[in-house]
Amino acid sequence: MLVSCPDCEHKISRRAESCPFCGYRVLPPARVERGIPVAPPLEPVTIQQTAKRWKKIQLWGAALTLIGLILGMIGLGLSSPLTGPPVVALLGLLTLSAGLVIFITARVCGWWYHG
């Protein structure tokens, strides 16, 4: 059965301890002992998400990888057997490599710091 979160109004399970959208602590129904409701003790709820900083770095790495791939393809299209690969192809390879290193590093750091 779904209920509305008191804080953000999203639909959540009535068994949820906290809202997965906003993190609002949802209290379970109180126990009744001798006709008196007894509230359970509150425990902190930790919601781990990857920081936006690592997501931005991943985006920059992916963009550099894509730009490097495009530059490399343009450079290889301009190359000839006599002159070899032009500077554009080498610049594309360098940009592609840097983008991959940045992307992979951001993925690992995002996992390392935020599970």
PDB file of N, CA and C in Angstrom:
ATOM      1  N   MET A   1       0.843  -1.173   0.000  1.00  0.00           N
ATOM      2  CA  MET A   1       0.000   0.000   0.000  1.00  0.00           C
ATOM      3  C   MET A   1       0.892   1.241   0.000  1.00  0.00           C
ATOM      4  N   LEU A   2       0.543   2.211  -0.801  1.00  0.00           N
ATOM      5  CA  LEU A   2       1.322   3.434  -0.895  1.00  0.00           C
ATOM      6  C   LEU A   2       0.647   4.553  -0.114  1.00  0.00           C
ATOM      7  N   VAL A   3       1.477   5.386   0.487  1.00  0.00           N
ATOM      8  CA  VAL A   3       1.001   6.573   1.204  1.00  0.00           C
ATOM      9  C   VAL A   3       1.804   7.764   0.693  1.00  0.00           C
ATOM     10  N   SER A   4       1.324   8.967   0.980  1.00  0.00           N
ATOM     11  CA  SER A   4       2.035  10.177   0.557  1.00  0.00           C
ATOM     12  C   SER A   4       3.054  10.576   1.611  1.00  0.00           C
ATOM     13  N   CYS A   5       4.234  10.980   1.150  1.00  0.00           N
ATOM     14  CA  CYS A   5       5.254  11.507   2.061  1.00  0.00           C
ATOM     15  C   CYS A   5       4.750  12.847   2.608  1.00  0.00           C
ATOM     16  N   PRO A   6       4.825  13.067   3.920  1.00  0.00           N
ATOM     17  CA  PRO A   6       4.353  14.331   4.480  1.00  0.00           C
ATOM     18  C   PRO A   6       5.166  15.540   4.017  1.00  0.00           C
ATOM     19  N   ASP A   7       6.409  15.311   3.575  1.00  0.00           N
ATOM     20  CA  ASP A   7       7.271  16.424   3.214  1.00  0.00           C
ATOM     21  C   ASP A   7       7.206  16.774   1.728  1.00  0.00           C
ATOM     22  N   CYS A   8       7.351  15.756   0.840  1.00  0.00           N
ATOM     23  CA  CYS A   8       7.421  16.056  -0.597  1.00  0.00           C
ATOM     24  C   CYS A   8       6.205  15.569  -1.389  1.00  0.00           C
ATOM     25  N   GLU A   9       5.289  14.866  -0.754  1.00  0.00           N
ATOM     26  CA  GLU A   9       4.040  14.395  -1.361  1.00  0.00           C
ATOM     27  C   GLU A   9       4.218  13.292  -2.402  1.00  0.00           C
ATOM     28  N   HIS A  10       5.434  12.705  -2.538  1.00  0.00           N
ATOM     29  CA  HIS A  10       5.603  11.557  -3.428  1.00  0.00           C
ATOM     30  C   HIS A  10       4.953  10.336  -2.790  1.00  0.00           C
ATOM     31  N   LYS A  11       4.565   9.389  -3.600  1.00  0.00           N
ATOM     32  CA  LYS A  11       3.988   8.148  -3.092  1.00  0.00           C
ATOM     33  C   LYS A  11       5.117   7.212  -2.665  1.00  0.00           C
ATOM     34  N   ILE A  12       5.037   6.715  -1.418  1.00  0.00           N
ATOM     35  CA  ILE A  12       6.036   5.797  -0.892  1.00  0.00           C
ATOM     36  C   ILE A  12       5.336   4.629  -0.218  1.00  0.00           C
ATOM     37  N   SER A  13       6.054   3.551  -0.005  1.00  0.00           N
ATOM     38  CA  SER A  13       5.499   2.388   0.675  1.00  0.00           C
ATOM     39  C   SER A  13       5.221   2.737   2.129  1.00  0.00           C
ATOM     40  N   ARG A  14       4.161   2.184   2.671  1.00  0.00           N
ATOM     41  CA  ARG A  14       3.855   2.485   4.067  1.00  0.00           C
ATOM     42  C   ARG A  14       4.839   1.796   5.000  1.00  0.00           C
ATOM     43  N   ARG A  15       5.625   0.851   4.481  1.00  0.00           N
ATOM     44  CA  ARG A  15       6.636   0.169   5.281  1.00  0.00           C
ATOM     45  C   ARG A  15       7.993   0.873   5.242  1.00  0.00           C
ATOM     46  N   ALA A  16       8.130   1.896   4.422  1.00  0.00           N
ATOM     47  CA  ALA A  16       9.415   2.588   4.283  1.00  0.00           C
ATOM     48  C   ALA A  16       9.768   3.325   5.569  1.00  0.00           C
ATOM     49  N   GLU A  17      11.057   3.284   5.916  1.00  0.00           N
ATOM     50  CA  GLU A  17      11.519   4.014   7.085  1.00  0.00           C
ATOM     51  C   GLU A  17      11.767   5.477   6.763  1.00  0.00           C
ATOM     52  N   SER A  18      12.116   5.753   5.504  1.00  0.00           N
ATOM     53  CA  SER A  18      12.334   7.128   5.082  1.00  0.00           C
ATOM     54  C   SER A  18      11.923   7.250   3.617  1.00  0.00           C
ATOM     55  N   CYS A  19      11.645   8.479   3.203  1.00  0.00           N
ATOM     56  CA  CYS A  19      11.249   8.737   1.825  1.00  0.00           C
ATOM     57  C   CYS A  19      12.476   8.625   0.918  1.00  0.00           C
ATOM     58  N   PRO A  20      12.442   7.812  -0.141  1.00  0.00           N
ATOM     59  CA  PRO A  20      13.602   7.703  -1.025  1.00  0.00           C
ATOM     60  C   PRO A  20      13.826   8.949  -1.877  1.00  0.00           C
ATOM     61  N   PHE A  21      12.846   9.836  -1.944  1.00  0.00           N
ATOM     62  CA  PHE A  21      12.979  11.040  -2.760  1.00  0.00           C
ATOM     63  C   PHE A  21      13.600  12.196  -1.982  1.00  0.00           C
ATOM     64  N   CYS A  22      13.130  12.415  -0.741  1.00  0.00           N
ATOM     65  CA  CYS A  22      13.606  13.578   0.016  1.00  0.00           C
ATOM     66  C   CYS A  22      14.320  13.204   1.306  1.00  0.00           C
ATOM     67  N   GLY A  23      14.242  11.930   1.733  1.00  0.00           N
ATOM     68  CA  GLY A  23      14.920  11.496   2.940  1.00  0.00           C
ATOM     69  C   GLY A  23      14.142  11.733   4.220  1.00  0.00           C
ATOM     70  N   TYR A  24      12.916  12.209   4.109  1.00  0.00           N
ATOM     71  CA  TYR A  24      12.098  12.490   5.293  1.00  0.00           C
ATOM     72  C   TYR A  24      11.892  11.205   6.086  1.00  0.00           C
ATOM     73  N   ARG A  25      12.142  11.272   7.384  1.00  0.00           N
ATOM     74  CA  ARG A  25      11.993  10.108   8.263  1.00  0.00           C
ATOM     75  C   ARG A  25      10.513   9.851   8.506  1.00  0.00           C
ATOM     76  N   VAL A  26      10.028   8.688   8.078  1.00  0.00           N
ATOM     77  CA  VAL A  26       8.633   8.311   8.262  1.00  0.00           C
ATOM     78  C   VAL A  26       8.572   7.394   9.476  1.00  0.00           C
ATOM     79  N   LEU A  27       7.810   7.783  10.451  1.00  0.00           N
ATOM     80  CA  LEU A  27       7.727   6.986  11.674  1.00  0.00           C
ATOM     81  C   LEU A  27       6.767   5.818  11.490  1.00  0.00           C
ATOM     82  N   PRO A  28       7.175   4.626  11.914  1.00  0.00           N
ATOM     83  CA  PRO A  28       6.245   3.499  11.855  1.00  0.00           C
ATOM     84  C   PRO A  28       5.128   3.690  12.881  1.00  0.00           C
ATOM     85  N   PRO A  29       4.018   2.976  12.733  1.00  0.00           N
ATOM     86  CA  PRO A  29       2.932   3.114  13.696  1.00  0.00           C
ATOM     87  C   PRO A  29       3.415   2.777  15.110  1.00  0.00           C
ATOM     88  N   ALA A  30       2.942   3.523  16.071  1.00  0.00           N
ATOM     89  CA  ALA A  30       3.365   3.333  17.460  1.00  0.00           C
ATOM     90  C   ALA A  30       2.805   2.026  18.015  1.00  0.00           C
ATOM     91  N   ARG A  31       3.588   1.374  18.849  1.00  0.00           N
ATOM     92  CA  ARG A  31       3.117   0.183  19.561  1.00  0.00           C
ATOM     93  C   ARG A  31       2.217   0.635  20.707  1.00  0.00           C
ATOM     94  N   VAL A  32       1.364  -0.230  21.110  1.00  0.00           N
ATOM     95  CA  VAL A  32       0.481   0.089  22.236  1.00  0.00           C
ATOM     96  C   VAL A  32       0.763  -0.914  23.346  1.00  0.00           C
ATOM     97  N   GLU A  33       1.178  -0.382  24.491  1.00  0.00           N
ATOM     98  CA  GLU A  33       1.410  -1.207  25.672  1.00  0.00           C
ATOM     99  C   GLU A  33       0.520  -0.701  26.800  1.00  0.00           C
ATOM    100  N   ARG A  34      -0.337  -1.581  27.300  1.00  0.00           N
ATOM    101  CA  ARG A  34      -1.261  -1.248  28.387  1.00  0.00           C
ATOM    102  C   ARG A  34      -2.123  -0.045  28.032  1.00  0.00           C
ATOM    103  N   GLY A  35      -2.507   0.036  26.781  1.00  0.00           N
ATOM    104  CA  GLY A  35      -3.378   1.114  26.340  1.00  0.00           C
ATOM    105  C   GLY A  35      -2.681   2.445  26.080  1.00  0.00           C
ATOM    106  N   ILE A  36      -1.338   2.465  26.223  1.00  0.00           N
ATOM    107  CA  ILE A  36      -0.573   3.705  26.015  1.00  0.00           C
ATOM    108  C   ILE A  36       0.322   3.518  24.789  1.00  0.00           C
ATOM    109  N   PRO A  37       0.216   4.433  23.795  1.00  0.00           N
ATOM    110  CA  PRO A  37       1.094   4.304  22.624  1.00  0.00           C
ATOM    111  C   PRO A  37       2.555   4.567  22.996  1.00  0.00           C
ATOM    112  N   VAL A  38       3.430   3.693  22.511  1.00  0.00           N
ATOM    113  CA  VAL A  38       4.866   3.820  22.771  1.00  0.00           C
ATOM    114  C   VAL A  38       5.563   4.014  21.425  1.00  0.00           C
ATOM    115  N   ALA A  39       6.221   5.141  21.261  1.00  0.00           N
ATOM    116  CA  ALA A  39       6.924   5.435  20.010  1.00  0.00           C
ATOM    117  C   ALA A  39       8.254   4.696  19.988  1.00  0.00           C
ATOM    118  N   PRO A  40       8.647   4.159  18.829  1.00  0.00           N
ATOM    119  CA  PRO A  40       9.947   3.486  18.733  1.00  0.00           C
ATOM    120  C   PRO A  40      11.070   4.518  18.802  1.00  0.00           C
ATOM    121  N   PRO A  41      12.259   4.093  19.221  1.00  0.00           N
ATOM    122  CA  PRO A  41      13.378   5.048  19.266  1.00  0.00           C
ATOM    123  C   PRO A  41      13.783   5.461  17.848  1.00  0.00           C
ATOM    124  N   LEU A  42      14.153   6.728  17.708  1.00  0.00           N
ATOM    125  CA  LEU A  42      14.578   7.229  16.399  1.00  0.00           C
ATOM    126  C   LEU A  42      16.036   6.866  16.157  1.00  0.00           C
ATOM    127  N   GLU A  43      16.306   6.379  14.966  1.00  0.00           N
ATOM    128  CA  GLU A  43      17.666   6.066  14.556  1.00  0.00           C
ATOM    129  C   GLU A  43      17.978   6.896  13.323  1.00  0.00           C
ATOM    130  N   PRO A  44      19.221   7.350  13.187  1.00  0.00           N
ATOM    131  CA  PRO A  44      19.549   8.148  11.998  1.00  0.00           C
ATOM    132  C   PRO A  44      19.446   7.305  10.722  1.00  0.00           C
ATOM    133  N   VAL A  45      18.988   7.927   9.666  1.00  0.00           N
ATOM    134  CA  VAL A  45      18.877   7.274   8.370  1.00  0.00           C
ATOM    135  C   VAL A  45      19.892   7.922   7.440  1.00  0.00           C
ATOM    136  N   THR A  46      20.751   7.104   6.863  1.00  0.00           N
ATOM    137  CA  THR A  46      21.766   7.610   5.949  1.00  0.00           C
ATOM    138  C   THR A  46      21.378   7.229   4.529  1.00  0.00           C
ATOM    139  N   ILE A  47      21.263   8.225   3.673  1.00  0.00           N
ATOM    140  CA  ILE A  47      20.983   7.990   2.262  1.00  0.00           C
ATOM    141  C   ILE A  47      22.239   8.386   1.511  1.00  0.00           C
ATOM    142  N   GLN A  48      22.884   7.411   0.881  1.00  0.00           N
ATOM    143  CA  GLN A  48      24.116   7.699   0.179  1.00  0.00           C
ATOM    144  C   GLN A  48      23.838   7.873  -1.303  1.00  0.00           C
ATOM    145  N   GLN A  49      24.312   8.970  -1.816  1.00  0.00           N
ATOM    146  CA  GLN A  49      24.196   9.244  -3.233  1.00  0.00           C
ATOM    147  C   GLN A  49      25.534   9.775  -3.716  1.00  0.00           C
ATOM    148  N   THR A  50      25.821   9.540  -4.961  1.00  0.00           N
ATOM    149  CA  THR A  50      27.052  10.066  -5.529  1.00  0.00           C
ATOM    150  C   THR A  50      26.965  11.587  -5.577  1.00  0.00           C
ATOM    151  N   ALA A  51      28.015  12.238  -5.118  1.00  0.00           N
ATOM    152  CA  ALA A  51      28.035  13.692  -5.091  1.00  0.00           C
ATOM    153  C   ALA A  51      27.943  14.259  -6.505  1.00  0.00           C
ATOM    154  N   LYS A  52      27.328  15.407  -6.596  1.00  0.00           N
ATOM    155  CA  LYS A  52      27.186  16.051  -7.910  1.00  0.00           C
ATOM    156  C   LYS A  52      28.548  16.398  -8.503  1.00  0.00           C
ATOM    157  N   ARG A  53      29.518  16.638  -7.653  1.00  0.00           N
ATOM    158  CA  ARG A  53      30.855  16.978  -8.140  1.00  0.00           C
ATOM    159  C   ARG A  53      31.410  15.847  -9.005  1.00  0.00           C
ATOM    160  N   TRP A  54      31.273  14.598  -8.540  1.00  0.00           N
ATOM    161  CA  TRP A  54      31.803  13.477  -9.315  1.00  0.00           C
ATOM    162  C   TRP A  54      31.000  13.260 -10.582  1.00  0.00           C
ATOM    163  N   LYS A  55      29.710  13.539 -10.527  1.00  0.00           N
ATOM    164  CA  LYS A  55      28.898  13.409 -11.740  1.00  0.00           C
ATOM    165  C   LYS A  55      29.304  14.445 -12.783  1.00  0.00           C
ATOM    166  N   LYS A  56      29.616  15.657 -12.346  1.00  0.00           N
ATOM    167  CA  LYS A  56      30.069  16.695 -13.280  1.00  0.00           C
ATOM    168  C   LYS A  56      31.400  16.305 -13.919  1.00  0.00           C
ATOM    169  N   ILE A  57      32.301  15.759 -13.109  1.00  0.00           N
ATOM    170  CA  ILE A  57      33.598  15.347 -13.651  1.00  0.00           C
ATOM    171  C   ILE A  57      33.421  14.209 -14.655  1.00  0.00           C
ATOM    172  N   GLN A  58      32.512  13.273 -14.362  1.00  0.00           N
ATOM    173  CA  GLN A  58      32.228  12.198 -15.312  1.00  0.00           C
ATOM    174  C   GLN A  58      31.693  12.759 -16.625  1.00  0.00           C
ATOM    175  N   LEU A  59      30.824  13.761 -16.524  1.00  0.00           N
ATOM    176  CA  LEU A  59      30.269  14.382 -17.724  1.00  0.00           C
ATOM    177  C   LEU A  59      31.367  15.044 -18.547  1.00  0.00           C
ATOM    178  N   TRP A  60      32.277  15.752 -17.888  1.00  0.00           N
ATOM    179  CA  TRP A  60      33.392  16.366 -18.606  1.00  0.00           C
ATOM    180  C   TRP A  60      34.272  15.304 -19.267  1.00  0.00           C
ATOM    181  N   GLY A  61      34.535  14.212 -18.572  1.00  0.00           N
ATOM    182  CA  GLY A  61      35.334  13.132 -19.152  1.00  0.00           C
ATOM    183  C   GLY A  61      34.661  12.521 -20.367  1.00  0.00           C
ATOM    184  N   ALA A  62      33.337  12.307 -20.281  1.00  0.00           N
ATOM    185  CA  ALA A  62      32.604  11.746 -21.425  1.00  0.00           C
ATOM    186  C   ALA A  62      32.614  12.716 -22.601  1.00  0.00           C
ATOM    187  N   ALA A  63      32.471  14.018 -22.315  1.00  0.00           N
ATOM    188  CA  ALA A  63      32.484  15.020 -23.382  1.00  0.00           C
ATOM    189  C   ALA A  63      33.854  15.065 -24.060  1.00  0.00           C
ATOM    190  N   LEU A  64      34.920  15.037 -23.257  1.00  0.00           N
ATOM    191  CA  LEU A  64      36.262  15.039 -23.849  1.00  0.00           C
ATOM    192  C   LEU A  64      36.502  13.784 -24.686  1.00  0.00           C
ATOM    193  N   THR A  65      36.013  12.652 -24.217  1.00  0.00           N
ATOM    194  CA  THR A  65      36.152  11.413 -24.972  1.00  0.00           C
ATOM    195  C   THR A  65      35.448  11.524 -26.321  1.00  0.00           C
ATOM    196  N   LEU A  66      34.237  12.048 -26.314  1.00  0.00           N
ATOM    197  CA  LEU A  66      33.483  12.206 -27.550  1.00  0.00           C
ATOM    198  C   LEU A  66      34.168  13.188 -28.499  1.00  0.00           C
ATOM    199  N   ILE A  67      34.651  14.309 -27.971  1.00  0.00           N
ATOM    200  CA  ILE A  67      35.362  15.298 -28.802  1.00  0.00           C
ATOM    201  C   ILE A  67      36.628  14.678 -29.389  1.00  0.00           C
ATOM    202  N   GLY A  68      37.356  13.925 -28.564  1.00  0.00           N
ATOM    203  CA  GLY A  68      38.568  13.258 -29.053  1.00  0.00           C
ATOM    204  C   GLY A  68      38.273  12.248 -30.135  1.00  0.00           C
ATOM    205  N   LEU A  69      37.181  11.519 -29.986  1.00  0.00           N
ATOM    206  CA  LEU A  69      36.787  10.542 -30.993  1.00  0.00           C
ATOM    207  C   LEU A  69      36.455  11.236 -32.315  1.00  0.00           C
ATOM    208  N   ILE A  70      35.719  12.335 -32.245  1.00  0.00           N
ATOM    209  CA  ILE A  70      35.359  13.083 -33.454  1.00  0.00           C
ATOM    210  C   ILE A  70      36.606  13.667 -34.121  1.00  0.00           C
ATOM    211  N   LEU A  71      37.479  14.280 -33.318  1.00  0.00           N
ATOM    212  CA  LEU A  71      38.711  14.845 -33.891  1.00  0.00           C
ATOM    213  C   LEU A  71      39.581  13.763 -34.519  1.00  0.00           C
ATOM    214  N   GLY A  72      39.661  12.615 -33.865  1.00  0.00           N
ATOM    215  CA  GLY A  72      40.456  11.514 -34.413  1.00  0.00           C
ATOM    216  C   GLY A  72      39.904  11.019 -35.739  1.00  0.00           C
ATOM    217  N   MET A  73      38.585  10.907 -35.833  1.00  0.00           N
ATOM    218  CA  MET A  73      37.982  10.449 -37.086  1.00  0.00           C
ATOM    219  C   MET A  73      38.187  11.479 -38.194  1.00  0.00           C
ATOM    220  N   ILE A  74      38.062  12.761 -37.859  1.00  0.00           N
ATOM    221  CA  ILE A  74      38.308  13.809 -38.860  1.00  0.00           C
ATOM    222  C   ILE A  74      39.769  13.766 -39.302  1.00  0.00           C
ATOM    223  N   GLY A  75      40.670  13.620 -38.330  1.00  0.00           N
ATOM    224  CA  GLY A  75      42.102  13.573 -38.656  1.00  0.00           C
ATOM    225  C   GLY A  75      42.472  12.389 -39.505  1.00  0.00           C
ATOM    226  N   LEU A  76      41.889  11.235 -39.226  1.00  0.00           N
ATOM    227  CA  LEU A  76      42.188  10.055 -40.038  1.00  0.00           C
ATOM    228  C   LEU A  76      41.602  10.191 -41.437  1.00  0.00           C
ATOM    229  N   GLY A  77      40.498  10.910 -41.559  1.00  0.00           N
ATOM    230  CA  GLY A  77      39.928  11.162 -42.884  1.00  0.00           C
ATOM    231  C   GLY A  77      40.807  12.088 -43.705  1.00  0.00           C
ATOM    232  N   LEU A  78      41.573  12.946 -43.034  1.00  0.00           N
ATOM    233  CA  LEU A  78      42.461  13.880 -43.741  1.00  0.00           C
ATOM    234  C   LEU A  78      43.837  13.285 -44.024  1.00  0.00           C
ATOM    235  N   SER A  79      44.149  12.144 -43.420  1.00  0.00           N
ATOM    236  CA  SER A  79      45.502  11.597 -43.582  1.00  0.00           C
ATOM    237  C   SER A  79      45.690  10.986 -44.964  1.00  0.00           C
ATOM    238  N   SER A  80      46.939  10.910 -45.349  1.00  0.00           N
ATOM    239  CA  SER A  80      47.292  10.271 -46.621  1.00  0.00           C
ATOM    240  C   SER A  80      48.521   9.386 -46.372  1.00  0.00           C
ATOM    241  N   PRO A  81      48.761   8.422 -47.228  1.00  0.00           N
ATOM    242  CA  PRO A  81      49.912   7.528 -47.013  1.00  0.00           C
ATOM    243  C   PRO A  81      51.246   8.257 -47.047  1.00  0.00           C
ATOM    244  N   LEU A  82      51.327   9.361 -47.759  1.00  0.00           N
ATOM    245  CA  LEU A  82      52.599  10.068 -47.888  1.00  0.00           C
ATOM    246  C   LEU A  82      52.894  10.973 -46.690  1.00  0.00           C
ATOM    247  N   THR A  83      51.865  11.625 -46.150  1.00  0.00           N
ATOM    248  CA  THR A  83      52.106  12.592 -45.081  1.00  0.00           C
ATOM    249  C   THR A  83      51.887  12.006 -43.686  1.00  0.00           C
ATOM    250  N   GLY A  84      51.222  10.878 -43.575  1.00  0.00           N
ATOM    251  CA  GLY A  84      50.952  10.297 -42.262  1.00  0.00           C
ATOM    252  C   GLY A  84      49.781  10.999 -41.590  1.00  0.00           C
ATOM    253  N   PRO A  85      49.539  10.685 -40.341  1.00  0.00           N
ATOM    254  CA  PRO A  85      48.397  11.289 -39.657  1.00  0.00           C
ATOM    255  C   PRO A  85      48.649  12.768 -39.379  1.00  0.00           C
ATOM    256  N   PRO A  86      47.667  13.604 -39.617  1.00  0.00           N
ATOM    257  CA  PRO A  86      47.847  15.031 -39.351  1.00  0.00           C
ATOM    258  C   PRO A  86      47.772  15.325 -37.850  1.00  0.00           C
ATOM    259  N   VAL A  87      48.055  16.553 -37.524  1.00  0.00           N
ATOM    260  CA  VAL A  87      48.053  16.999 -36.128  1.00  0.00           C
ATOM    261  C   VAL A  87      46.666  16.825 -35.516  1.00  0.00           C
ATOM    262  N   VAL A  88      45.631  16.964 -36.319  1.00  0.00           N
ATOM    263  CA  VAL A  88      44.257  16.842 -35.808  1.00  0.00           C
ATOM    264  C   VAL A  88      44.015  15.435 -35.251  1.00  0.00           C
ATOM    265  N   ALA A  89      44.530  14.413 -35.936  1.00  0.00           N
ATOM    266  CA  ALA A  89      44.363  13.037 -35.477  1.00  0.00           C
ATOM    267  C   ALA A  89      45.106  12.808 -34.164  1.00  0.00           C
ATOM    268  N   LEU A  90      46.310  13.347 -34.057  1.00  0.00           N
ATOM    269  CA  LEU A  90      47.081  13.202 -32.819  1.00  0.00           C
ATOM    270  C   LEU A  90      46.423  13.959 -31.667  1.00  0.00           C
ATOM    271  N   LEU A  91      45.890  15.137 -31.956  1.00  0.00           N
ATOM    272  CA  LEU A  91      45.166  15.906 -30.945  1.00  0.00           C
ATOM    273  C   LEU A  91      43.909  15.153 -30.506  1.00  0.00           C
ATOM    274  N   GLY A  92      43.240  14.517 -31.445  1.00  0.00           N
ATOM    275  CA  GLY A  92      42.062  13.711 -31.122  1.00  0.00           C
ATOM    276  C   GLY A  92      42.406  12.537 -30.229  1.00  0.00           C
ATOM    277  N   LEU A  93      43.523  11.868 -30.527  1.00  0.00           N
ATOM    278  CA  LEU A  93      43.958  10.742 -29.706  1.00  0.00           C
ATOM    279  C   LEU A  93      44.303  11.200 -28.295  1.00  0.00           C
ATOM    280  N   LEU A  94      44.976  12.325 -28.180  1.00  0.00           N
ATOM    281  CA  LEU A  94      45.325  12.868 -26.869  1.00  0.00           C
ATOM    282  C   LEU A  94      44.065  13.252 -26.082  1.00  0.00           C
ATOM    283  N   THR A  95      43.119  13.911 -26.738  1.00  0.00           N
ATOM    284  CA  THR A  95      41.877  14.314 -26.082  1.00  0.00           C
ATOM    285  C   THR A  95      41.050  13.094 -25.679  1.00  0.00           C
ATOM    286  N   LEU A  96      40.998  12.093 -26.546  1.00  0.00           N
ATOM    287  CA  LEU A  96      40.278  10.855 -26.247  1.00  0.00           C
ATOM    288  C   LEU A  96      40.879  10.169 -25.025  1.00  0.00           C
ATOM    289  N   SER A  97      42.196  10.080 -24.978  1.00  0.00           N
ATOM    290  CA  SER A  97      42.871   9.445 -23.843  1.00  0.00           C
ATOM    291  C   SER A  97      42.626  10.204 -22.543  1.00  0.00           C
ATOM    292  N   ALA A  98      42.748  11.530 -22.599  1.00  0.00           N
ATOM    293  CA  ALA A  98      42.516  12.337 -21.397  1.00  0.00           C
ATOM    294  C   ALA A  98      41.069  12.197 -20.925  1.00  0.00           C
ATOM    295  N   GLY A  99      40.126  12.195 -21.850  1.00  0.00           N
ATOM    296  CA  GLY A  99      38.716  12.047 -21.485  1.00  0.00           C
ATOM    297  C   GLY A  99      38.426  10.721 -20.820  1.00  0.00           C
ATOM    298  N   LEU A 100      39.016   9.647 -21.349  1.00  0.00           N
ATOM    299  CA  LEU A 100      38.825   8.331 -20.743  1.00  0.00           C
ATOM    300  C   LEU A 100      39.417   8.261 -19.340  1.00  0.00           C
ATOM    301  N   VAL A 101      40.608   8.823 -19.171  1.00  0.00           N
ATOM    302  CA  VAL A 101      41.243   8.817 -17.848  1.00  0.00           C
ATOM    303  C   VAL A 101      40.394   9.612 -16.854  1.00  0.00           C
ATOM    304  N   ILE A 102      39.911  10.778 -17.250  1.00  0.00           N
ATOM    305  CA  ILE A 102      39.092  11.602 -16.360  1.00  0.00           C
ATOM    306  C   ILE A 102      37.786  10.887 -16.022  1.00  0.00           C
ATOM    307  N   PHE A 103      37.136  10.295 -17.023  1.00  0.00           N
ATOM    308  CA  PHE A 103      35.866   9.604 -16.790  1.00  0.00           C
ATOM    309  C   PHE A 103      36.039   8.425 -15.836  1.00  0.00           C
ATOM    310  N   ILE A 104      37.041   7.594 -16.091  1.00  0.00           N
ATOM    311  CA  ILE A 104      37.258   6.410 -15.249  1.00  0.00           C
ATOM    312  C   ILE A 104      37.653   6.821 -13.834  1.00  0.00           C
ATOM    313  N   THR A 105      38.494   7.846 -13.711  1.00  0.00           N
ATOM    314  CA  THR A 105      38.882   8.326 -12.384  1.00  0.00           C
ATOM    315  C   THR A 105      37.669   8.831 -11.605  1.00  0.00           C
ATOM    316  N   ALA A 106      36.793   9.583 -12.258  1.00  0.00           N
ATOM    317  CA  ALA A 106      35.602  10.101 -11.585  1.00  0.00           C
ATOM    318  C   ALA A 106      34.663   8.974 -11.180  1.00  0.00           C
ATOM    319  N   ARG A 107      34.538   7.938 -12.018  1.00  0.00           N
ATOM    320  CA  ARG A 107      33.697   6.792 -11.653  1.00  0.00           C
ATOM    321  C   ARG A 107      34.236   6.086 -10.421  1.00  0.00           C
ATOM    322  N   VAL A 108      35.550   5.860 -10.397  1.00  0.00           N
ATOM    323  CA  VAL A 108      36.153   5.181  -9.259  1.00  0.00           C
ATOM    324  C   VAL A 108      36.055   6.029  -7.995  1.00  0.00           C
ATOM    325  N   CYS A 109      36.333   7.321  -8.106  1.00  0.00           N
ATOM    326  CA  CYS A 109      36.240   8.195  -6.927  1.00  0.00           C
ATOM    327  C   CYS A 109      34.799   8.309  -6.433  1.00  0.00           C
ATOM    328  N   GLY A 110      33.828   8.379  -7.326  1.00  0.00           N
ATOM    329  CA  GLY A 110      32.433   8.421  -6.921  1.00  0.00           C
ATOM    330  C   GLY A 110      32.041   7.163  -6.169  1.00  0.00           C
ATOM    331  N   TRP A 111      32.525   6.016  -6.640  1.00  0.00           N
ATOM    332  CA  TRP A 111      32.250   4.758  -5.954  1.00  0.00           C
ATOM    333  C   TRP A 111      32.976   4.708  -4.612  1.00  0.00           C
ATOM    334  N   TRP A 112      34.226   5.153  -4.598  1.00  0.00           N
ATOM    335  CA  TRP A 112      35.055   5.046  -3.401  1.00  0.00           C
ATOM    336  C   TRP A 112      34.498   5.896  -2.257  1.00  0.00           C
ATOM    337  N   TYR A 113      34.102   7.118  -2.556  1.00  0.00           N
ATOM    338  CA  TYR A 113      33.653   8.038  -1.517  1.00  0.00           C
ATOM    339  C   TYR A 113      32.189   7.880  -1.163  1.00  0.00           C
ATOM    340  N   HIS A 114      31.382   7.295  -2.024  1.00  0.00           N
ATOM    341  CA  HIS A 114      29.934   7.250  -1.767  1.00  0.00           C
ATOM    342  C   HIS A 114      29.326   5.870  -1.927  1.00  0.00           C
ATOM    343  N   GLY A 115      30.122   4.851  -2.003  1.00  0.00           N
ATOM    344  CA  GLY A 115      29.596   3.486  -2.090  1.00  0.00           C
ATOM    345  C   GLY A 115      28.890   3.255  -3.332  1.00  0.00           C
TER     346      GLY A 115
END
